[in-house]
């Protein structure tokens, strides 16, 4: 469903649109409201239908768990994403990741917030690589995490620190990614059993999330759930 906007937001977007006509981030079409994408592109974004109760990946009818979760324990309480990492959803993630586009973050975060299950007390995010943060001047996962927190009206805190630079992990084998992630994060605060929602842009093998969860729980936090924009499929 196309995201609703308040009367005040519609008035503001109309006024701004007279001076700076907004364009869809995906197709470039001029649009009448101050939103990230047009209605047509929004409806075409890839989405999950029925999902695994644990990891949130798409599954077939009559199933509760995906084949992996049926035989393998996960470090998180649950994980959810909007859909597979492809098409317009992939494009929006890349726009957020490399351009820091806040309108894209707000749009994605509002939809991601609808997927949250059970009690969550704190929102945090996978921490930035110091080198990339210096190069880009922003961290997409933090922008997204703070927008999710705003949508849920929950506190957002940077609970994790990355201890060393790592090369891009996309395309690397699962075992190689797991080895590269070992001991990569440490918690910046002590917990008292609080449940935490860990936000990131994409979930691939789960190696990054697993290491972040380990650091949080070693520091005294409770259950950790994972929320991402998208999830890769068939790249384990």
C-alpha atoms as a PDB file:
ATOM      1  CA  UNK A   1       0.000   0.000   0.000  1.00  0.00           C
ATOM      2  CA  UNK A   2       1.233   3.494  -0.876  1.00  0.00           C
ATOM      3  CA  UNK A   3       2.446   5.252   2.312  1.00  0.00           C
ATOM      4  CA  UNK A   4      -0.056   7.739   3.743  1.00  0.00           C
ATOM      5  CA  UNK A   5       0.969  11.342   4.337  1.00  0.00           C
ATOM      6  CA  UNK A   6      -0.649  13.805   6.730  1.00  0.00           C
ATOM      7  CA  UNK A   7      -2.508  16.906   5.464  1.00  0.00           C
ATOM      8  CA  UNK A   8       0.343  19.077   6.779  1.00  0.00           C
ATOM      9  CA  UNK A   9       2.921  16.973   4.950  1.00  0.00           C
ATOM     10  CA  UNK A  10       0.884  17.168   1.752  1.00  0.00           C
ATOM     11  CA  UNK A  11       0.654  20.968   2.073  1.00  0.00           C
ATOM     12  CA  UNK A  12       4.411  21.232   2.691  1.00  0.00           C
ATOM     13  CA  UNK A  13       5.291  18.918  -0.160  1.00  0.00           C
ATOM     14  CA  UNK A  14       3.008  20.873  -2.471  1.00  0.00           C
ATOM     15  CA  UNK A  15       4.660  24.173  -1.529  1.00  0.00           C
ATOM     16  CA  UNK A  16       8.191  22.782  -1.870  1.00  0.00           C
ATOM     17  CA  UNK A  17       7.214  21.071  -5.106  1.00  0.00           C
ATOM     18  CA  UNK A  18       6.432  24.432  -6.681  1.00  0.00           C
ATOM     19  CA  UNK A  19      10.051  25.457  -6.183  1.00  0.00           C
ATOM     20  CA  UNK A  20      11.870  22.110  -6.307  1.00  0.00           C
ATOM     21  CA  UNK A  21       9.713  19.524  -8.110  1.00  0.00           C
ATOM     22  CA  UNK A  22      10.538  16.122  -6.535  1.00  0.00           C
ATOM     23  CA  UNK A  23      11.482  13.174  -8.689  1.00  0.00           C
ATOM     24  CA  UNK A  24      11.264   9.442  -8.031  1.00  0.00           C
ATOM     25  CA  UNK A  25      14.628   8.088  -6.878  1.00  0.00           C
ATOM     26  CA  UNK A  26      14.132   4.975  -8.994  1.00  0.00           C
ATOM     27  CA  UNK A  27      12.587   6.018 -12.311  1.00  0.00           C
ATOM     28  CA  UNK A  28      13.220   9.776 -12.252  1.00  0.00           C
ATOM     29  CA  UNK A  29       9.582  10.607 -12.884  1.00  0.00           C
ATOM     30  CA  UNK A  30       8.340  13.901 -11.429  1.00  0.00           C
ATOM     31  CA  UNK A  31       5.959  13.297  -8.520  1.00  0.00           C
ATOM     32  CA  UNK A  32       3.481  15.510  -6.711  1.00  0.00           C
ATOM     33  CA  UNK A  33       4.368  14.643  -3.123  1.00  0.00           C
ATOM     34  CA  UNK A  34       7.566  14.910  -1.112  1.00  0.00           C
ATOM     35  CA  UNK A  35       8.279  11.178  -1.090  1.00  0.00           C
ATOM     36  CA  UNK A  36      11.214   9.039  -2.166  1.00  0.00           C
ATOM     37  CA  UNK A  37       9.597   7.024  -4.951  1.00  0.00           C
ATOM     38  CA  UNK A  38       6.517   7.218  -7.139  1.00  0.00           C
ATOM     39  CA  UNK A  39       3.495   5.022  -6.504  1.00  0.00           C
ATOM     40  CA  UNK A  40       4.254   2.821  -9.502  1.00  0.00           C
ATOM     41  CA  UNK A  41       7.819   2.044  -8.364  1.00  0.00           C
ATOM     42  CA  UNK A  42       6.605   1.537  -4.810  1.00  0.00           C
ATOM     43  CA  UNK A  43       4.118  -1.105  -5.889  1.00  0.00           C
ATOM     44  CA  UNK A  44       6.797  -2.895  -7.914  1.00  0.00           C
ATOM     45  CA  UNK A  45       9.266  -3.260  -5.030  1.00  0.00           C
ATOM     46  CA  UNK A  46       9.990  -6.956  -4.349  1.00  0.00           C
ATOM     47  CA  UNK A  47       8.319  -8.160  -1.148  1.00  0.00           C
ATOM     48  CA  UNK A  48       8.151 -11.403   0.762  1.00  0.00           C
ATOM     49  CA  UNK A  49       4.879 -13.255   0.989  1.00  0.00           C
ATOM     50  CA  UNK A  50       4.862 -16.014   3.594  1.00  0.00           C
ATOM     51  CA  UNK A  51       8.101 -15.978   5.622  1.00  0.00           C
ATOM     52  CA  UNK A  52      10.061 -18.264   7.940  1.00  0.00           C
ATOM     53  CA  UNK A  53       9.096 -17.557  11.565  1.00  0.00           C
ATOM     54  CA  UNK A  54      12.757 -17.347  12.587  1.00  0.00           C
ATOM     55  CA  UNK A  55      14.877 -15.820   9.814  1.00  0.00           C
ATOM     56  CA  UNK A  56      12.148 -14.098   7.799  1.00  0.00           C
ATOM     57  CA  UNK A  57      13.128 -15.457   4.395  1.00  0.00           C
ATOM     58  CA  UNK A  58      10.334 -16.273   1.947  1.00  0.00           C
ATOM     59  CA  UNK A  59       8.956 -19.810   2.160  1.00  0.00           C
ATOM     60  CA  UNK A  60       6.288 -21.861   0.439  1.00  0.00           C
ATOM     61  CA  UNK A  61       2.696 -22.448   1.569  1.00  0.00           C
ATOM     62  CA  UNK A  62       2.105 -24.791   4.485  1.00  0.00           C
ATOM     63  CA  UNK A  63       5.542 -24.203   6.021  1.00  0.00           C
ATOM     64  CA  UNK A  64       6.548 -22.395   9.218  1.00  0.00           C
ATOM     65  CA  UNK A  65      10.337 -22.628   8.896  1.00  0.00           C
ATOM     66  CA  UNK A  66      12.801 -22.521   6.028  1.00  0.00           C
ATOM     67  CA  UNK A  67      14.979 -25.645   5.512  1.00  0.00           C
ATOM     68  CA  UNK A  68      17.974 -24.007   7.238  1.00  0.00           C
ATOM     69  CA  UNK A  69      16.106 -22.866  10.357  1.00  0.00           C
ATOM     70  CA  UNK A  70      14.457 -26.273  10.652  1.00  0.00           C
ATOM     71  CA  UNK A  71      17.862 -27.843  11.382  1.00  0.00           C
ATOM     72  CA  UNK A  72      20.120 -24.979  12.506  1.00  0.00           C
ATOM     73  CA  UNK A  73      19.839 -22.656  15.502  1.00  0.00           C
ATOM     74  CA  UNK A  74      20.133 -18.920  14.843  1.00  0.00           C
ATOM     75  CA  UNK A  75      21.869 -16.397  17.117  1.00  0.00           C
ATOM     76  CA  UNK A  76      18.988 -13.924  16.872  1.00  0.00           C
ATOM     77  CA  UNK A  77      15.508 -14.123  18.388  1.00  0.00           C
ATOM     78  CA  UNK A  78      14.083 -13.393  14.937  1.00  0.00           C
ATOM     79  CA  UNK A  79      15.073 -11.618  11.736  1.00  0.00           C
ATOM     80  CA  UNK A  80      12.906  -9.759   9.263  1.00  0.00           C
ATOM     81  CA  UNK A  81      13.419  -7.858   6.025  1.00  0.00           C
ATOM     82  CA  UNK A  82      11.117  -6.176   3.525  1.00  0.00           C
ATOM     83  CA  UNK A  83      12.041  -8.476   0.662  1.00  0.00           C
ATOM     84  CA  UNK A  84      14.800 -10.012  -1.441  1.00  0.00           C
ATOM     85  CA  UNK A  85      17.831  -7.916  -2.337  1.00  0.00           C
ATOM     86  CA  UNK A  86      16.894  -7.282  -5.943  1.00  0.00           C
ATOM     87  CA  UNK A  87      15.100  -4.834  -8.227  1.00  0.00           C
ATOM     88  CA  UNK A  88      13.984  -1.500  -6.827  1.00  0.00           C
ATOM     89  CA  UNK A  89      14.620  -2.562  -3.237  1.00  0.00           C
ATOM     90  CA  UNK A  90      18.285  -3.186  -4.043  1.00  0.00           C
ATOM     91  CA  UNK A  91      18.496   0.200  -5.774  1.00  0.00           C
ATOM     92  CA  UNK A  92      17.063   1.992  -2.736  1.00  0.00           C
ATOM     93  CA  UNK A  93      19.509   0.219  -0.424  1.00  0.00           C
ATOM     94  CA  UNK A  94      22.434   1.281  -2.618  1.00  0.00           C
ATOM     95  CA  UNK A  95      21.162   4.868  -2.756  1.00  0.00           C
ATOM     96  CA  UNK A  96      20.985   4.900   1.038  1.00  0.00           C
ATOM     97  CA  UNK A  97      24.343   3.177   1.475  1.00  0.00           C
ATOM     98  CA  UNK A  98      26.399   5.287  -0.922  1.00  0.00           C
ATOM     99  CA  UNK A  99      24.476   8.577  -1.022  1.00  0.00           C
ATOM    100  CA  UNK A 100      22.982   8.735   2.482  1.00  0.00           C
ATOM    101  CA  UNK A 101      19.571   9.608   1.019  1.00  0.00           C
ATOM    102  CA  UNK A 102      17.361  10.319   4.040  1.00  0.00           C
ATOM    103  CA  UNK A 103      14.080  10.287   2.151  1.00  0.00           C
ATOM    104  CA  UNK A 104      14.834   6.709   1.119  1.00  0.00           C
ATOM    105  CA  UNK A 105      15.722   5.866   4.736  1.00  0.00           C
ATOM    106  CA  UNK A 106      12.442   7.288   6.056  1.00  0.00           C
ATOM    107  CA  UNK A 107      10.394   5.397   3.490  1.00  0.00           C
ATOM    108  CA  UNK A 108      12.163   2.095   4.163  1.00  0.00           C
ATOM    109  CA  UNK A 109      12.204   2.551   7.947  1.00  0.00           C
ATOM    110  CA  UNK A 110       8.445   3.149   8.174  1.00  0.00           C
ATOM    111  CA  UNK A 111       7.806  -0.138   6.393  1.00  0.00           C
ATOM    112  CA  UNK A 112      10.489  -2.008   8.337  1.00  0.00           C
ATOM    113  CA  UNK A 113       8.980  -0.840  11.643  1.00  0.00           C
ATOM    114  CA  UNK A 114       5.766  -2.695  10.727  1.00  0.00           C
ATOM    115  CA  UNK A 115       7.694  -5.979  10.794  1.00  0.00           C
ATOM    116  CA  UNK A 116       8.873  -5.691  14.407  1.00  0.00           C
ATOM    117  CA  UNK A 117       7.651  -8.489  16.653  1.00  0.00           C
ATOM    118  CA  UNK A 118       7.369  -8.752  20.419  1.00  0.00           C
ATOM    119  CA  UNK A 119       9.021  -6.456  22.937  1.00  0.00           C
ATOM    120  CA  UNK A 120      12.002  -4.340  21.926  1.00  0.00           C
ATOM    121  CA  UNK A 121      13.601  -1.907  24.369  1.00  0.00           C
ATOM    122  CA  UNK A 122      16.518  -0.438  22.418  1.00  0.00           C
ATOM    123  CA  UNK A 123      17.406   0.158  18.781  1.00  0.00           C
ATOM    124  CA  UNK A 124      20.987  -0.009  17.572  1.00  0.00           C
ATOM    125  CA  UNK A 125      22.752  -0.678  14.274  1.00  0.00           C
ATOM    126  CA  UNK A 126      25.732  -2.477  12.827  1.00  0.00           C
ATOM    127  CA  UNK A 127      28.558   0.035  13.419  1.00  0.00           C
ATOM    128  CA  UNK A 128      30.432   1.773  10.615  1.00  0.00           C
ATOM    129  CA  UNK A 129      33.832   0.875   9.293  1.00  0.00           C
ATOM    130  CA  UNK A 130      35.972   3.855  10.430  1.00  0.00           C
ATOM    131  CA  UNK A 131      37.678   4.138   7.037  1.00  0.00           C
ATOM    132  CA  UNK A 132      34.408   4.187   5.082  1.00  0.00           C
ATOM    133  CA  UNK A 133      32.845   6.590   7.561  1.00  0.00           C
ATOM    134  CA  UNK A 134      35.692   9.046   6.941  1.00  0.00           C
ATOM    135  CA  UNK A 135      35.313   8.643   3.181  1.00  0.00           C
ATOM    136  CA  UNK A 136      31.517   9.004   3.042  1.00  0.00           C
ATOM    137  CA  UNK A 137      30.832  11.213   6.043  1.00  0.00           C
ATOM    138  CA  UNK A 138      27.717   9.220   6.965  1.00  0.00           C
ATOM    139  CA  UNK A 139      26.675   5.681   7.879  1.00  0.00           C
ATOM    140  CA  UNK A 140      23.604   4.283   6.142  1.00  0.00           C
ATOM    141  CA  UNK A 141      22.795   1.731   8.843  1.00  0.00           C
ATOM    142  CA  UNK A 142      22.768   4.455  11.512  1.00  0.00           C
ATOM    143  CA  UNK A 143      20.511   6.698   9.426  1.00  0.00           C
ATOM    144  CA  UNK A 144      18.180   3.744   8.964  1.00  0.00           C
ATOM    145  CA  UNK A 145      18.336   2.678  12.619  1.00  0.00           C
ATOM    146  CA  UNK A 146      17.469   6.143  13.884  1.00  0.00           C
ATOM    147  CA  UNK A 147      14.551   6.366  11.477  1.00  0.00           C
ATOM    148  CA  UNK A 148      13.261   2.965  12.635  1.00  0.00           C
ATOM    149  CA  UNK A 149      13.562   4.141  16.246  1.00  0.00           C
ATOM    150  CA  UNK A 150      11.636   7.299  15.405  1.00  0.00           C
ATOM    151  CA  UNK A 151       8.886   5.258  13.747  1.00  0.00           C
ATOM    152  CA  UNK A 152       8.649   2.954  16.788  1.00  0.00           C
ATOM    153  CA  UNK A 153       9.146   5.760  19.337  1.00  0.00           C
ATOM    154  CA  UNK A 154      11.985   3.871  20.982  1.00  0.00           C
ATOM    155  CA  UNK A 155      15.456   5.010  22.109  1.00  0.00           C
ATOM    156  CA  UNK A 156      18.305   4.608  19.623  1.00  0.00           C
ATOM    157  CA  UNK A 157      21.881   4.148  20.863  1.00  0.00           C
ATOM    158  CA  UNK A 158      25.210   3.266  19.202  1.00  0.00           C
ATOM    159  CA  UNK A 159      25.871   0.128  21.241  1.00  0.00           C
ATOM    160  CA  UNK A 160      28.609  -1.393  19.078  1.00  0.00           C
ATOM    161  CA  UNK A 161      32.056  -0.369  17.893  1.00  0.00           C
ATOM    162  CA  UNK A 162      33.955  -1.883  14.980  1.00  0.00           C
ATOM    163  CA  UNK A 163      37.533  -2.653  16.003  1.00  0.00           C
ATOM    164  CA  UNK A 164      39.284  -2.971  12.647  1.00  0.00           C
ATOM    165  CA  UNK A 165      38.855  -2.270   8.958  1.00  0.00           C
ATOM    166  CA  UNK A 166      37.543  -5.089   6.789  1.00  0.00           C
ATOM    167  CA  UNK A 167      37.361  -5.262   2.989  1.00  0.00           C
ATOM    168  CA  UNK A 168      33.989  -5.393   1.258  1.00  0.00           C
ATOM    169  CA  UNK A 169      32.314  -8.704   2.130  1.00  0.00           C
ATOM    170  CA  UNK A 170      29.945  -8.923  -0.847  1.00  0.00           C
ATOM    171  CA  UNK A 171      30.685 -12.003  -2.933  1.00  0.00           C
ATOM    172  CA  UNK A 172      33.038 -13.612  -0.413  1.00  0.00           C
ATOM    173  CA  UNK A 173      32.368 -17.259   0.597  1.00  0.00           C
ATOM    174  CA  UNK A 174      30.408 -17.836   3.809  1.00  0.00           C
ATOM    175  CA  UNK A 175      33.342 -19.389   5.712  1.00  0.00           C
ATOM    176  CA  UNK A 176      35.621 -16.529   4.676  1.00  0.00           C
ATOM    177  CA  UNK A 177      33.074 -13.964   5.855  1.00  0.00           C
ATOM    178  CA  UNK A 178      32.646 -15.740   9.189  1.00  0.00           C
ATOM    179  CA  UNK A 179      36.411 -15.757   9.784  1.00  0.00           C
ATOM    180  CA  UNK A 180      36.712 -12.081   8.846  1.00  0.00           C
ATOM    181  CA  UNK A 181      33.954 -11.136  11.309  1.00  0.00           C
ATOM    182  CA  UNK A 182      35.345 -12.997  14.335  1.00  0.00           C
ATOM    183  CA  UNK A 183      36.108 -10.585  17.180  1.00  0.00           C
ATOM    184  CA  UNK A 184      35.243  -7.599  14.988  1.00  0.00           C
ATOM    185  CA  UNK A 185      32.883  -5.757  17.363  1.00  0.00           C
ATOM    186  CA  UNK A 186      32.747  -4.769  21.003  1.00  0.00           C
ATOM    187  CA  UNK A 187      29.900  -3.260  22.981  1.00  0.00           C
ATOM    188  CA  UNK A 188      30.226   0.385  24.000  1.00  0.00           C
ATOM    189  CA  UNK A 189      27.751   0.047  26.904  1.00  0.00           C
ATOM    190  CA  UNK A 190      26.892  -2.561  29.519  1.00  0.00           C
ATOM    191  CA  UNK A 191      23.449  -4.064  29.364  1.00  0.00           C
ATOM    192  CA  UNK A 192      20.984  -5.184  32.012  1.00  0.00           C
ATOM    193  CA  UNK A 193      19.114  -7.770  30.024  1.00  0.00           C
ATOM    194  CA  UNK A 194      17.426  -5.290  27.669  1.00  0.00           C
ATOM    195  CA  UNK A 195      16.052  -6.672  24.413  1.00  0.00           C
ATOM    196  CA  UNK A 196      17.736  -5.044  21.406  1.00  0.00           C
ATOM    197  CA  UNK A 197      16.809  -4.566  17.765  1.00  0.00           C
ATOM    198  CA  UNK A 198      19.903  -4.600  15.541  1.00  0.00           C
ATOM    199  CA  UNK A 199      19.357  -2.718  12.264  1.00  0.00           C
ATOM    200  CA  UNK A 200      21.343  -3.032   9.032  1.00  0.00           C
ATOM    201  CA  UNK A 201      20.744  -2.523   5.325  1.00  0.00           C
ATOM    202  CA  UNK A 202      21.150  -6.110   4.053  1.00  0.00           C
ATOM    203  CA  UNK A 203      21.380  -9.553   5.663  1.00  0.00           C
ATOM    204  CA  UNK A 204      23.554 -11.920   3.620  1.00  0.00           C
ATOM    205  CA  UNK A 205      25.167 -14.865   5.394  1.00  0.00           C
ATOM    206  CA  UNK A 206      24.345 -13.457   8.833  1.00  0.00           C
ATOM    207  CA  UNK A 207      28.035 -13.371   9.847  1.00  0.00           C
ATOM    208  CA  UNK A 208      28.024  -9.657  10.645  1.00  0.00           C
ATOM    209  CA  UNK A 209      24.789  -9.864  12.617  1.00  0.00           C
ATOM    210  CA  UNK A 210      25.983 -12.917  14.548  1.00  0.00           C
ATOM    211  CA  UNK A 211      29.176 -11.174  15.648  1.00  0.00           C
ATOM    212  CA  UNK A 212      27.244  -8.068  16.699  1.00  0.00           C
ATOM    213  CA  UNK A 213      24.817 -10.204  18.689  1.00  0.00           C
ATOM    214  CA  UNK A 214      27.681 -12.021  20.417  1.00  0.00           C
ATOM    215  CA  UNK A 215      29.243  -8.712  21.493  1.00  0.00           C
ATOM    216  CA  UNK A 216      25.924  -7.362  22.773  1.00  0.00           C
ATOM    217  CA  UNK A 217      25.056 -10.462  24.767  1.00  0.00           C
ATOM    218  CA  UNK A 218      28.583 -10.718  26.188  1.00  0.00           C
ATOM    219  CA  UNK A 219      28.024  -7.169  27.471  1.00  0.00           C
ATOM    220  CA  UNK A 220      24.845  -8.157  29.307  1.00  0.00           C
ATOM    221  CA  UNK A 221      22.076  -7.382  26.833  1.00  0.00           C
ATOM    222  CA  UNK A 222      19.228  -9.818  26.382  1.00  0.00           C
ATOM    223  CA  UNK A 223      17.577 -11.172  23.243  1.00  0.00           C
ATOM    224  CA  UNK A 224      18.635  -9.533  19.998  1.00  0.00           C
ATOM    225  CA  UNK A 225      16.470  -9.386  16.887  1.00  0.00           C
ATOM    226  CA  UNK A 226      17.650  -8.310  13.438  1.00  0.00           C
ATOM    227  CA  UNK A 227      15.840  -5.957  11.066  1.00  0.00           C
ATOM    228  CA  UNK A 228      17.116  -5.164   7.571  1.00  0.00           C
ATOM    229  CA  UNK A 229      15.840  -3.571   4.381  1.00  0.00           C
ATOM    230  CA  UNK A 230      16.574  -6.643   2.303  1.00  0.00           C
ATOM    231  CA  UNK A 231      18.020 -10.120   2.366  1.00  0.00           C
ATOM    232  CA  UNK A 232      20.117 -11.885  -0.212  1.00  0.00           C
ATOM    233  CA  UNK A 233      18.907 -15.291  -1.354  1.00  0.00           C
ATOM    234  CA  UNK A 234      20.981 -18.231  -2.527  1.00  0.00           C
ATOM    235  CA  UNK A 235      24.347 -16.697  -1.612  1.00  0.00           C
ATOM    236  CA  UNK A 236      25.230 -18.734   1.444  1.00  0.00           C
END
